[in-house]
């Protein structure tokens, strides 16, 4: 038995006899009172939660708005650093500028991902397009890898004497301090927005920008050392920058990989406790969750007494589903397979 509400139609019931080739057909009743007969299905008793509604447009619009605002800030910071880096010959500042430019590029990638993620479910993507946002976050790591390689190449050239020592002025200090202040504001703004909008993309971007703060501080320290007569600190600071960038990329890659590889989202023990709180349920197993933390898909098997009437089993499965979704609002779709307990548990 499957009970599911979706769009304008409600799938009323289905039942058949396994292996017999016989069974009643299932009827899809629309609000326009039209009906069409579908092919017989398996006799398994299932209850399915309502399909997830398309994600609220306000959420995607909010994420896109934040990314656009941060893009302009990151682009301005990158231009200032790169311009001074080329003018002074300081590879540490130039590297930090390219790091910020990568941030701006990541914002653009994120906006493209959000545009795809906001599309509602369709025939080719029945689970929706939510993972496009996660893919966009994963793309951030590609840009970070490119930046790390470029920084290491420039640092090697400086350490081997292939380029001249930089000239550091007071204007350079002013530019770097101003960019640190901007980045601190961006981190705070994006982190708050990520929590409000439940966006791993904004959280990943905020994490990346936080790395910018530390790298910029390392560059400022190197600049002070260069002014004191230690030019070796320029390539050393560049290496420090590459370390921070690589670590940020690792964290982002780890987070997005867990989502894309369908790593468990909600503890099986916690879900089982909710299911067992429903009177009449004998047990459950095969509990599986996947998806982003705020967009979880769940399926599980629930044991009911074998003598339970079909109608009662159907109703009880909805009680289980409603209780699960009330306890975990992040569950957007749940498939509950009803079956009798195994002989050893009867």
Foldseek 3Di string as FASTA:
>chain_A
DEWEDEDFWTWDDAAADPPPLGTDWTWIQGPVRDIDTDDHDYRFFKYKYYFFDQPDPVLLVLLLVLLVVVLVLLLVLLVLQCVVCVVFVQLLSNLLSLLSVLLSVLSVLLNVLSVQQRDAADPVRNNGSPLSNLVSLLVSLVSLVVSLVVLLVVLVCVVVPVDDQTDDDPVNLVSLVVSLVSLVVSLVVLVVSCVVSVGPSSVLSSLSSVLSNVLSVQCSVLSVVVVVPDSNSRSVSSNVSSVSSNVSSVVSNVLSCCQVVFPAQDDPVVLFVQLVVQPQWLGWDPWGWGHRNQAIEIEIETAGAPPDDSVRVNVSNVVSVVSSCVVPVSHRIYMYTYDHDPPVSD
